[in-house]
Amino acid sequence: MKVFVLAPQENWICDRIAQEWYQHNKEISTNSILECDILWLLAGWCWNHIHPNILIEKKVIVTVHHIVPEKMSEEKTRDFLVRDQFVDCYHVPNSKTKKMMEGLTQKPVEVVGYWYDESKWFPLNKQKCREELGLPASDFIVGSFQRDTEGGDLKTPKLEKGPDLFCEYLETIDKENMHVLLGGFRRQYVMNRLDNKNIKYTYFELSPVSQLQKMYAACDLYIVASRHEGGPQSALEASAMRVPIVSTDVGIVPTILSENCIINIPNEQYFPIESDIDYGFKQVKKYEIRSHKKNYINLFESVLGK
């Protein structure tokens, strides 16, 4: 079996997932789309970059990371149905996306969660990381590393990511020394909100993994305020690094975080305690790539009929 992974070339999380797949599965992977048995469209929205003849010839697996119902316009629905005719199986990272997908297609929909690489995501010394990043040693640092502003105008919030809820939640935190640490790109909406409320923040745009590790470690709290998610990867990465994290009930979060840490943002407030951190650190181990990749291989082999 040979697998070809279609990545979006966006310098974002899907590209990292594709890179890690090739790194850890060299013996069953190929960079030649013509030589593959499995065509894995990890970036399913790029499907029309591939000639229809190839889509017809190959076994095609499409990853649908998450669905935003309010964005399923007639045009997007038509595009989905055109692509659907070439698909042998859909891969989704969580049961919420599976339920939505089953209302859109008759093709098989299989749940296999994302992975993380423990050689990248492991506990680090908080104060040392703050010093190296030039962050205040004694501030209460709250992290958020994602893109959450629409690309069309760099002003409109990407509501499925919950930047409005994130900002509202920050305003409920009663800590005079609060300092927000932002990562990722397209964070303009959040920064404008923080500026208007005179909330201190530091922004590192598109940090490499080596810097992102330190950013997680520097946090006293990481917040996921999304309305819809495939992952998020931060649930895996923060948990593996023993970083306190709270989240809305999205994506793979219920399979990793303690129930205490899954809250109604911004209406509930919770600061994880040591037992919550221990729980997440233990739960996340089942998604480590060296063992978890077998679940992907099983999926691919089942599509091939092996």
C-alpha atoms as a PDB file:
ATOM      1  CA  MET A   1       0.000   0.000   0.000  1.00  0.00           C
ATOM      2  CA  LYS A   2       1.220   3.481  -0.933  1.00  0.00           C
ATOM      3  CA  VAL A   3      -0.405   6.681   0.347  1.00  0.00           C
ATOM      4  CA  PHE A   4      -0.204  10.128  -1.239  1.00  0.00           C
ATOM      5  CA  VAL A   5      -1.250  13.039   0.999  1.00  0.00           C
ATOM      6  CA  LEU A   6      -2.662  16.186  -0.579  1.00  0.00           C
ATOM      7  CA  ALA A   7      -1.671  19.162   1.601  1.00  0.00           C
ATOM      8  CA  PRO A   8      -2.891  22.739   1.006  1.00  0.00           C
ATOM      9  CA  GLN A   9       0.532  24.470   0.977  1.00  0.00           C
ATOM     10  CA  GLU A  10      -0.768  27.169   3.340  1.00  0.00           C
ATOM     11  CA  ASN A  11       2.025  27.047   5.919  1.00  0.00           C
ATOM     12  CA  TRP A  12      -0.566  26.006   8.481  1.00  0.00           C
ATOM     13  CA  ILE A  13      -1.626  22.980  10.493  1.00  0.00           C
ATOM     14  CA  CYS A  14      -2.627  20.667   7.607  1.00  0.00           C
ATOM     15  CA  ASP A  15       0.812  21.083   6.088  1.00  0.00           C
ATOM     16  CA  ARG A  16       2.391  20.059   9.393  1.00  0.00           C
ATOM     17  CA  ILE A  17       0.101  17.014   9.607  1.00  0.00           C
ATOM     18  CA  ALA A  18       1.134  15.955   6.091  1.00  0.00           C
ATOM     19  CA  GLN A  19       4.810  16.469   6.888  1.00  0.00           C
ATOM     20  CA  GLU A  20       4.535  14.364  10.042  1.00  0.00           C
ATOM     21  CA  TRP A  21       2.723  11.597   8.149  1.00  0.00           C
ATOM     22  CA  TYR A  22       5.541  11.324   5.619  1.00  0.00           C
ATOM     23  CA  GLN A  23       8.176  11.490   8.354  1.00  0.00           C
ATOM     24  CA  HIS A  24       6.667   8.630  10.364  1.00  0.00           C
ATOM     25  CA  ASN A  25       5.335   6.460   7.511  1.00  0.00           C
ATOM     26  CA  LYS A  26       8.048   6.484   4.850  1.00  0.00           C
ATOM     27  CA  GLU A  27       7.630   2.819   3.940  1.00  0.00           C
ATOM     28  CA  ILE A  28       3.971   3.221   2.894  1.00  0.00           C
ATOM     29  CA  SER A  29       4.052   6.777   1.516  1.00  0.00           C
ATOM     30  CA  THR A  30       4.799   8.239  -1.880  1.00  0.00           C
ATOM     31  CA  ASN A  31       5.277  11.739  -3.252  1.00  0.00           C
ATOM     32  CA  SER A  32       3.985  10.584  -6.621  1.00  0.00           C
ATOM     33  CA  ILE A  33       0.237  10.839  -7.048  1.00  0.00           C
ATOM     34  CA  LEU A  34       0.446   8.429  -9.987  1.00  0.00           C
ATOM     35  CA  GLU A  35       2.073   5.680  -7.897  1.00  0.00           C
ATOM     36  CA  CYS A  36      -0.279   5.791  -4.911  1.00  0.00           C
ATOM     37  CA  ASP A  37      -2.998   3.309  -4.009  1.00  0.00           C
ATOM     38  CA  ILE A  38      -4.641   5.684  -1.527  1.00  0.00           C
ATOM     39  CA  LEU A  39      -5.160   9.340  -2.418  1.00  0.00           C
ATOM     40  CA  TRP A  40      -5.662  11.054   0.941  1.00  0.00           C
ATOM     41  CA  LEU A  41      -7.172  14.490   0.437  1.00  0.00           C
ATOM     42  CA  LEU A  42      -6.164  15.934   3.796  1.00  0.00           C
ATOM     43  CA  ALA A  43      -7.043  19.338   2.341  1.00  0.00           C
ATOM     44  CA  GLY A  44     -10.376  18.319   0.881  1.00  0.00           C
ATOM     45  CA  TRP A  45     -11.105  21.837  -0.360  1.00  0.00           C
ATOM     46  CA  CYS A  46      -8.208  21.434  -2.831  1.00  0.00           C
ATOM     47  CA  TRP A  47      -9.772  18.391  -4.508  1.00  0.00           C
ATOM     48  CA  ASN A  48     -10.326  20.158  -7.845  1.00  0.00           C
ATOM     49  CA  HIS A  49      -6.569  20.667  -8.214  1.00  0.00           C
ATOM     50  CA  ILE A  50      -6.444  16.998  -9.251  1.00  0.00           C
ATOM     51  CA  HIS A  51      -7.447  15.723 -12.684  1.00  0.00           C
ATOM     52  CA  PRO A  52     -10.779  13.810 -12.584  1.00  0.00           C
ATOM     53  CA  ASN A  53      -9.168  10.792 -14.262  1.00  0.00           C
ATOM     54  CA  ILE A  54      -6.835  10.381 -11.280  1.00  0.00           C
ATOM     55  CA  LEU A  55      -9.728  10.742  -8.836  1.00  0.00           C
ATOM     56  CA  ILE A  56     -11.574   8.008 -10.704  1.00  0.00           C
ATOM     57  CA  GLU A  57      -8.574   5.645 -10.830  1.00  0.00           C
ATOM     58  CA  LYS A  58      -7.516   5.926  -7.176  1.00  0.00           C
ATOM     59  CA  LYS A  59      -9.091   5.063  -3.849  1.00  0.00           C
ATOM     60  CA  VAL A  60      -9.960   8.501  -2.482  1.00  0.00           C
ATOM     61  CA  ILE A  61     -10.221   9.354   1.204  1.00  0.00           C
ATOM     62  CA  VAL A  62     -11.261  12.911   2.083  1.00  0.00           C
ATOM     63  CA  THR A  63     -10.711  14.436   5.511  1.00  0.00           C
ATOM     64  CA  VAL A  64     -13.514  16.764   6.610  1.00  0.00           C
ATOM     65  CA  HIS A  65     -12.123  18.549   9.636  1.00  0.00           C
ATOM     66  CA  HIS A  66     -15.307  20.289  10.695  1.00  0.00           C
ATOM     67  CA  ILE A  67     -18.521  21.686   9.227  1.00  0.00           C
ATOM     68  CA  VAL A  68     -19.925  25.143   9.911  1.00  0.00           C
ATOM     69  CA  PRO A  69     -23.664  24.748   9.164  1.00  0.00           C
ATOM     70  CA  GLU A  70     -24.263  28.461   8.666  1.00  0.00           C
ATOM     71  CA  LYS A  71     -21.562  28.532   5.984  1.00  0.00           C
ATOM     72  CA  MET A  72     -23.000  25.644   3.945  1.00  0.00           C
ATOM     73  CA  SER A  73     -24.304  27.825   1.131  1.00  0.00           C
ATOM     74  CA  GLU A  74     -25.953  26.405  -1.983  1.00  0.00           C
ATOM     75  CA  GLU A  75     -22.668  26.827  -3.841  1.00  0.00           C
ATOM     76  CA  LYS A  76     -20.685  24.938  -1.194  1.00  0.00           C
ATOM     77  CA  THR A  77     -23.305  22.198  -1.079  1.00  0.00           C
ATOM     78  CA  ARG A  78     -23.117  21.776  -4.866  1.00  0.00           C
ATOM     79  CA  ASP A  79     -19.315  21.619  -4.701  1.00  0.00           C
ATOM     80  CA  PHE A  80     -19.554  18.995  -1.947  1.00  0.00           C
ATOM     81  CA  LEU A  81     -21.901  16.842  -4.038  1.00  0.00           C
ATOM     82  CA  VAL A  82     -19.673  17.070  -7.127  1.00  0.00           C
ATOM     83  CA  ARG A  83     -16.641  15.954  -5.108  1.00  0.00           C
ATOM     84  CA  ASP A  84     -18.679  13.274  -3.340  1.00  0.00           C
ATOM     85  CA  GLN A  85     -18.969  11.222  -6.507  1.00  0.00           C
ATOM     86  CA  PHE A  86     -15.189  10.647  -6.495  1.00  0.00           C
ATOM     87  CA  VAL A  87     -14.936   9.762  -2.774  1.00  0.00           C
ATOM     88  CA  ASP A  88     -14.616   6.217  -1.456  1.00  0.00           C
ATOM     89  CA  CYS A  89     -14.566   7.135   2.239  1.00  0.00           C
ATOM     90  CA  TYR A  90     -14.591  10.204   4.460  1.00  0.00           C
ATOM     91  CA  HIS A  91     -12.288  10.614   7.427  1.00  0.00           C
ATOM     92  CA  VAL A  92     -13.392  12.899  10.268  1.00  0.00           C
ATOM     93  CA  PRO A  93     -11.537  13.594  13.533  1.00  0.00           C
ATOM     94  CA  ASN A  94     -14.533  13.560  15.867  1.00  0.00           C
ATOM     95  CA  SER A  95     -18.064  12.237  16.313  1.00  0.00           C
ATOM     96  CA  LYS A  96     -19.704  15.667  15.977  1.00  0.00           C
ATOM     97  CA  THR A  97     -18.392  16.059  12.440  1.00  0.00           C
ATOM     98  CA  LYS A  98     -19.409  12.460  11.662  1.00  0.00           C
ATOM     99  CA  LYS A  99     -23.006  13.185  12.659  1.00  0.00           C
ATOM    100  CA  MET A 100     -23.123  16.243  10.377  1.00  0.00           C
ATOM    101  CA  MET A 101     -21.494  14.359   7.509  1.00  0.00           C
ATOM    102  CA  GLU A 102     -24.027  11.538   7.657  1.00  0.00           C
ATOM    103  CA  GLY A 103     -26.685  14.086   6.741  1.00  0.00           C
ATOM    104  CA  LEU A 104     -24.764  15.039   3.595  1.00  0.00           C
ATOM    105  CA  THR A 105     -23.471  11.783   2.082  1.00  0.00           C
ATOM    106  CA  GLN A 106     -24.187   8.092   1.679  1.00  0.00           C
ATOM    107  CA  LYS A 107     -20.463   7.285   1.601  1.00  0.00           C
ATOM    108  CA  PRO A 108     -18.780   5.721   4.679  1.00  0.00           C
ATOM    109  CA  VAL A 109     -17.668   8.191   7.360  1.00  0.00           C
ATOM    110  CA  GLU A 110     -14.944   6.992   9.762  1.00  0.00           C
ATOM    111  CA  VAL A 111     -13.742   8.730  12.933  1.00  0.00           C
ATOM    112  CA  VAL A 112     -10.011   8.768  13.634  1.00  0.00           C
ATOM    113  CA  GLY A 113      -8.730  11.556  15.884  1.00  0.00           C
ATOM    114  CA  TYR A 114      -5.734  13.750  15.149  1.00  0.00           C
ATOM    115  CA  TRP A 115      -2.298  12.844  16.469  1.00  0.00           C
ATOM    116  CA  TYR A 116       0.502  14.720  18.197  1.00  0.00           C
ATOM    117  CA  ASP A 117       4.250  14.091  18.240  1.00  0.00           C
ATOM    118  CA  GLU A 118       5.638  13.789  21.773  1.00  0.00           C
ATOM    119  CA  SER A 119       9.121  14.669  20.516  1.00  0.00           C
ATOM    120  CA  LYS A 120       7.707  18.177  19.945  1.00  0.00           C
ATOM    121  CA  TRP A 121       5.105  18.563  22.679  1.00  0.00           C
ATOM    122  CA  PHE A 122       6.385  17.887  26.200  1.00  0.00           C
ATOM    123  CA  PRO A 123       6.585  19.906  29.449  1.00  0.00           C
ATOM    124  CA  LEU A 124       9.062  22.807  29.629  1.00  0.00           C
ATOM    125  CA  ASN A 125      10.092  25.214  32.369  1.00  0.00           C
ATOM    126  CA  LYS A 126       7.624  28.114  32.467  1.00  0.00           C
ATOM    127  CA  GLN A 127       9.922  30.831  33.799  1.00  0.00           C
ATOM    128  CA  LYS A 128      12.778  29.938  31.471  1.00  0.00           C
ATOM    129  CA  CYS A 129      10.435  30.062  28.468  1.00  0.00           C
ATOM    130  CA  ARG A 130       9.022  33.426  29.548  1.00  0.00           C
ATOM    131  CA  GLU A 131      12.519  34.816  29.872  1.00  0.00           C
ATOM    132  CA  GLU A 132      13.502  33.560  26.415  1.00  0.00           C
ATOM    133  CA  LEU A 133      10.333  35.052  24.888  1.00  0.00           C
ATOM    134  CA  GLY A 134      10.719  38.363  26.700  1.00  0.00           C
ATOM    135  CA  LEU A 135       7.445  37.919  28.596  1.00  0.00           C
ATOM    136  CA  PRO A 136       6.750  39.258  32.107  1.00  0.00           C
ATOM    137  CA  ALA A 137       7.776  36.773  34.787  1.00  0.00           C
ATOM    138  CA  SER A 138       4.909  37.505  37.181  1.00  0.00           C
ATOM    139  CA  ASP A 139       1.963  38.225  34.874  1.00  0.00           C
ATOM    140  CA  PHE A 140      -0.995  35.845  34.500  1.00  0.00           C
ATOM    141  CA  ILE A 141      -0.515  34.780  30.885  1.00  0.00           C
ATOM    142  CA  VAL A 142      -3.484  33.550  28.836  1.00  0.00           C
ATOM    143  CA  GLY A 143      -2.754  31.897  25.493  1.00  0.00           C
ATOM    144  CA  SER A 144      -4.547  31.515  22.164  1.00  0.00           C
ATOM    145  CA  PHE A 145      -2.706  30.355  19.026  1.00  0.00           C
ATOM    146  CA  GLN A 146      -5.031  30.144  16.027  1.00  0.00           C
ATOM    147  CA  ARG A 147      -6.439  32.205  13.170  1.00  0.00           C
ATOM    148  CA  ASP A 148      -9.814  33.739  13.909  1.00  0.00           C
ATOM    149  CA  THR A 149     -10.347  36.688  11.556  1.00  0.00           C
ATOM    150  CA  GLU A 150     -11.827  36.201   8.092  1.00  0.00           C
ATOM    151  CA  GLY A 151      -9.256  36.652   5.329  1.00  0.00           C
ATOM    152  CA  GLY A 152     -11.445  38.806   3.092  1.00  0.00           C
ATOM    153  CA  ASP A 153     -11.170  42.017   5.096  1.00  0.00           C
ATOM    154  CA  LEU A 154      -9.052  41.167   8.190  1.00  0.00           C
ATOM    155  CA  LYS A 155     -11.761  42.756  10.359  1.00  0.00           C
ATOM    156  CA  THR A 156     -14.656  40.307  10.404  1.00  0.00           C
ATOM    157  CA  PRO A 157     -14.465  37.652  13.145  1.00  0.00           C
ATOM    158  CA  LYS A 158     -14.309  34.011  12.041  1.00  0.00           C
ATOM    159  CA  LEU A 159     -17.205  33.129  14.321  1.00  0.00           C
ATOM    160  CA  GLU A 160     -16.706  29.352  14.273  1.00  0.00           C
ATOM    161  CA  LYS A 161     -13.405  29.998  16.085  1.00  0.00           C
ATOM    162  CA  GLY A 162     -15.155  32.105  18.729  1.00  0.00           C
ATOM    163  CA  PRO A 163     -12.897  35.192  18.878  1.00  0.00           C
ATOM    164  CA  ASP A 164     -15.846  37.185  20.231  1.00  0.00           C
ATOM    165  CA  LEU A 165     -16.395  34.610  22.984  1.00  0.00           C
ATOM    166  CA  PHE A 166     -12.658  34.543  23.720  1.00  0.00           C
ATOM    167  CA  CYS A 167     -12.582  38.306  24.227  1.00  0.00           C
ATOM    168  CA  GLU A 168     -15.720  38.257  26.362  1.00  0.00           C
ATOM    169  CA  TYR A 169     -14.183  35.554  28.517  1.00  0.00           C
ATOM    170  CA  LEU A 170     -10.983  37.557  28.992  1.00  0.00           C
ATOM    171  CA  GLU A 171     -13.078  40.436  30.275  1.00  0.00           C
ATOM    172  CA  THR A 172     -14.448  38.177  33.046  1.00  0.00           C
ATOM    173  CA  ILE A 173     -10.983  37.235  34.372  1.00  0.00           C
ATOM    174  CA  ASP A 174     -10.414  39.288  37.491  1.00  0.00           C
ATOM    175  CA  LYS A 175      -6.645  39.581  37.393  1.00  0.00           C
ATOM    176  CA  GLU A 176      -4.952  42.970  37.184  1.00  0.00           C
ATOM    177  CA  ASN A 177      -1.751  41.379  35.880  1.00  0.00           C
ATOM    178  CA  MET A 178      -3.414  39.486  33.002  1.00  0.00           C
ATOM    179  CA  HIS A 179      -1.360  39.353  29.805  1.00  0.00           C
ATOM    180  CA  VAL A 180      -2.680  37.731  26.612  1.00  0.00           C
ATOM    181  CA  LEU A 181      -0.290  35.746  24.422  1.00  0.00           C
ATOM    182  CA  LEU A 182      -1.433  35.422  20.812  1.00  0.00           C
ATOM    183  CA  GLY A 183      -0.057  33.164  18.091  1.00  0.00           C
ATOM    184  CA  GLY A 184      -1.064  32.101  14.601  1.00  0.00           C
ATOM    185  CA  PHE A 185      -2.145  34.607  11.985  1.00  0.00           C
ATOM    186  CA  ARG A 186      -5.198  36.743  11.167  1.00  0.00           C
ATOM    187  CA  ARG A 187      -5.616  37.835  14.805  1.00  0.00           C
ATOM    188  CA  GLN A 188      -6.685  41.385  13.930  1.00  0.00           C
ATOM    189  CA  TYR A 189     -10.197  41.119  15.389  1.00  0.00           C
ATOM    190  CA  VAL A 190      -8.908  39.991  18.773  1.00  0.00           C
ATOM    191  CA  MET A 191      -6.135  42.573  18.871  1.00  0.00           C
ATOM    192  CA  ASN A 192      -8.620  45.370  18.130  1.00  0.00           C
ATOM    193  CA  ARG A 193     -10.866  44.155  20.953  1.00  0.00           C
ATOM    194  CA  LEU A 194      -7.927  43.969  23.353  1.00  0.00           C
ATOM    195  CA  ASP A 195      -6.745  47.448  22.358  1.00  0.00           C
ATOM    196  CA  ASN A 196     -10.218  48.851  23.028  1.00  0.00           C
ATOM    197  CA  LYS A 197     -10.231  47.334  26.535  1.00  0.00           C
ATOM    198  CA  ASN A 198      -6.590  48.250  27.263  1.00  0.00           C
ATOM    199  CA  ILE A 199      -5.724  44.600  27.859  1.00  0.00           C
ATOM    200  CA  LYS A 200      -2.024  43.841  27.555  1.00  0.00           C
ATOM    201  CA  TYR A 201      -0.966  41.353  24.915  1.00  0.00           C
ATOM    202  CA  THR A 202       2.001  40.030  22.972  1.00  0.00           C
ATOM    203  CA  TYR A 203       1.633  38.667  19.460  1.00  0.00           C
ATOM    204  CA  PHE A 204       3.997  36.236  17.748  1.00  0.00           C
ATOM    205  CA  GLU A 205       2.793  35.711  14.173  1.00  0.00           C
ATOM    206  CA  LEU A 206       3.296  32.298  12.539  1.00  0.00           C
ATOM    207  CA  SER A 207       5.845  31.033  15.032  1.00  0.00           C
ATOM    208  CA  PRO A 208       7.923  27.952  14.227  1.00  0.00           C
ATOM    209  CA  VAL A 209       7.322  24.913  16.417  1.00  0.00           C
ATOM    210  CA  SER A 210      10.438  25.688  18.486  1.00  0.00           C
ATOM    211  CA  GLN A 211       8.913  29.028  19.521  1.00  0.00           C
ATOM    212  CA  LEU A 212       5.369  27.690  19.821  1.00  0.00           C
ATOM    213  CA  GLN A 213       6.592  25.164  22.399  1.00  0.00           C
ATOM    214  CA  LYS A 214       7.849  28.006  24.582  1.00  0.00           C
ATOM    215  CA  MET A 215       4.638  29.956  24.080  1.00  0.00           C
ATOM    216  CA  TYR A 216       2.540  27.081  25.414  1.00  0.00           C
ATOM    217  CA  ALA A 217       4.891  26.590  28.350  1.00  0.00           C
ATOM    218  CA  ALA A 218       4.685  30.295  29.230  1.00  0.00           C
ATOM    219  CA  CYS A 219       0.909  30.120  29.739  1.00  0.00           C
ATOM    220  CA  ASP A 220      -0.982  29.998  33.026  1.00  0.00           C
ATOM    221  CA  LEU A 221      -4.123  29.253  31.035  1.00  0.00           C
ATOM    222  CA  TYR A 222      -4.916  28.353  27.425  1.00  0.00           C
ATOM    223  CA  ILE A 223      -8.440  29.067  26.131  1.00  0.00           C
ATOM    224  CA  VAL A 224     -10.350  27.409  23.283  1.00  0.00           C
ATOM    225  CA  ALA A 225     -13.566  29.371  22.704  1.00  0.00           C
ATOM    226  CA  SER A 226     -14.560  27.838  19.354  1.00  0.00           C
ATOM    227  CA  ARG A 227     -18.094  27.071  18.236  1.00  0.00           C
ATOM    228  CA  HIS A 228     -16.922  24.405  15.758  1.00  0.00           C
ATOM    229  CA  GLU A 229     -13.629  22.480  15.605  1.00  0.00           C
ATOM    230  CA  GLY A 230     -12.062  19.439  14.067  1.00  0.00           C
ATOM    231  CA  GLY A 231      -9.521  19.224  16.875  1.00  0.00           C
ATOM    232  CA  PRO A 232      -8.334  21.604  17.934  1.00  0.00           C
ATOM    233  CA  GLN A 233      -4.659  20.659  17.897  1.00  0.00           C
ATOM    234  CA  SER A 234      -4.182  22.877  20.941  1.00  0.00           C
ATOM    235  CA  ALA A 235      -6.163  20.370  23.032  1.00  0.00           C
ATOM    236  CA  LEU A 236      -3.517  17.768  22.204  1.00  0.00           C
ATOM    237  CA  GLU A 237      -0.498  20.050  22.433  1.00  0.00           C
ATOM    238  CA  ALA A 238      -1.426  21.886  25.619  1.00  0.00           C
ATOM    239  CA  SER A 239      -2.384  18.642  27.373  1.00  0.00           C
ATOM    240  CA  ALA A 240       0.876  16.964  26.346  1.00  0.00           C
ATOM    241  CA  MET A 241       2.805  19.959  27.705  1.00  0.00           C
ATOM    242  CA  ARG A 242       0.812  19.984  30.982  1.00  0.00           C
ATOM    243  CA  VAL A 243      -0.539  23.469  30.246  1.00  0.00           C
ATOM    244  CA  PRO A 244      -3.844  24.340  31.986  1.00  0.00           C
ATOM    245  CA  ILE A 245      -6.543  24.529  29.306  1.00  0.00           C
ATOM    246  CA  VAL A 246     -10.285  25.209  29.230  1.00  0.00           C
ATOM    247  CA  SER A 247     -12.500  24.766  26.193  1.00  0.00           C
ATOM    248  CA  THR A 248     -15.980  24.796  24.820  1.00  0.00           C
ATOM    249  CA  ASP A 249     -17.465  21.380  24.021  1.00  0.00           C
ATOM    250  CA  VAL A 250     -16.059  21.018  20.505  1.00  0.00           C
ATOM    251  CA  GLY A 251     -14.206  18.492  18.350  1.00  0.00           C
ATOM    252  CA  ILE A 252     -11.994  15.988  20.138  1.00  0.00           C
ATOM    253  CA  VAL A 253     -12.003  17.967  23.392  1.00  0.00           C
ATOM    254  CA  PRO A 254     -14.315  15.539  25.299  1.00  0.00           C
ATOM    255  CA  THR A 255     -11.907  12.660  24.596  1.00  0.00           C
ATOM    256  CA  ILE A 256      -8.958  14.493  26.186  1.00  0.00           C
ATOM    257  CA  LEU A 257      -9.903  17.127  28.745  1.00  0.00           C
ATOM    258  CA  SER A 258     -11.389  16.644  32.178  1.00  0.00           C
ATOM    259  CA  GLU A 259     -15.122  17.412  32.354  1.00  0.00           C
ATOM    260  CA  ASN A 260     -14.237  20.280  34.679  1.00  0.00           C
ATOM    261  CA  CYS A 261     -12.325  21.983  31.873  1.00  0.00           C
ATOM    262  CA  ILE A 262     -15.147  21.835  29.305  1.00  0.00           C
ATOM    263  CA  ILE A 263     -17.146  24.952  30.035  1.00  0.00           C
ATOM    264  CA  ASN A 264     -19.716  27.346  28.615  1.00  0.00           C
ATOM    265  CA  ILE A 265     -17.554  30.237  27.430  1.00  0.00           C
ATOM    266  CA  PRO A 266     -17.947  33.082  28.313  1.00  0.00           C
ATOM    267  CA  ASN A 267     -20.656  32.336  30.902  1.00  0.00           C
ATOM    268  CA  GLU A 268     -18.612  29.968  33.075  1.00  0.00           C
ATOM    269  CA  GLN A 269     -15.152  30.464  34.502  1.00  0.00           C
ATOM    270  CA  TYR A 270     -12.785  27.726  35.606  1.00  0.00           C
ATOM    271  CA  PHE A 271      -9.070  27.456  36.311  1.00  0.00           C
ATOM    272  CA  PRO A 272      -7.769  23.884  35.970  1.00  0.00           C
ATOM    273  CA  ILE A 273      -6.237  22.262  39.025  1.00  0.00           C
ATOM    274  CA  GLU A 274      -3.462  19.676  39.133  1.00  0.00           C
ATOM    275  CA  SER A 275      -5.815  16.695  38.846  1.00  0.00           C
ATOM    276  CA  ASP A 276      -7.313  18.175  35.645  1.00  0.00           C
ATOM    277  CA  ILE A 277      -3.836  18.603  34.186  1.00  0.00           C
ATOM    278  CA  ASP A 278      -2.917  15.036  35.162  1.00  0.00           C
ATOM    279  CA  TYR A 279      -6.086  13.731  33.497  1.00  0.00           C
ATOM    280  CA  GLY A 280      -5.409  15.499  30.199  1.00  0.00           C
ATOM    281  CA  PHE A 281      -1.761  14.448  30.214  1.00  0.00           C
ATOM    282  CA  LYS A 282      -2.797  10.807  30.636  1.00  0.00           C
ATOM    283  CA  GLN A 283      -5.636  10.899  28.093  1.00  0.00           C
ATOM    284  CA  VAL A 284      -3.613  12.528  25.337  1.00  0.00           C
ATOM    285  CA  LYS A 285      -1.074   9.692  25.275  1.00  0.00           C
ATOM    286  CA  LYS A 286      -3.394   7.524  23.180  1.00  0.00           C
ATOM    287  CA  TYR A 287      -3.030  10.038  20.340  1.00  0.00           C
ATOM    288  CA  GLU A 288       0.770   9.958  20.165  1.00  0.00           C
ATOM    289  CA  ILE A 289       1.693   9.444  16.513  1.00  0.00           C
ATOM    290  CA  ARG A 290       3.940   6.400  16.937  1.00  0.00           C
ATOM    291  CA  SER A 291       1.042   4.293  18.182  1.00  0.00           C
ATOM    292  CA  HIS A 292      -1.962   6.241  16.884  1.00  0.00           C
ATOM    293  CA  LYS A 293      -0.796   6.105  13.252  1.00  0.00           C
ATOM    294  CA  LYS A 294      -1.885   2.455  13.229  1.00  0.00           C
ATOM    295  CA  ASN A 295      -5.516   3.609  13.326  1.00  0.00           C
ATOM    296  CA  TYR A 296      -4.935   5.575  10.108  1.00  0.00           C
ATOM    297  CA  ILE A 297      -3.222   2.611   8.491  1.00  0.00           C
ATOM    298  CA  ASN A 298      -6.171   0.398   9.457  1.00  0.00           C
ATOM    299  CA  LEU A 299      -8.533   2.908   7.845  1.00  0.00           C
ATOM    300  CA  PHE A 300      -6.549   3.003   4.609  1.00  0.00           C
ATOM    301  CA  GLU A 301      -6.268  -0.777   4.447  1.00  0.00           C
ATOM    302  CA  SER A 302     -10.015  -1.166   4.993  1.00  0.00           C
ATOM    303  CA  VAL A 303     -10.716   1.143   2.037  1.00  0.00           C
ATOM    304  CA  LEU A 304      -8.366  -0.975  -0.097  1.00  0.00           C
ATOM    305  CA  GLY A 305     -10.204  -4.084   1.062  1.00  0.00           C
ATOM    306  CA  LYS A 306      -7.175  -5.609   2.766  1.00  0.00           C
END
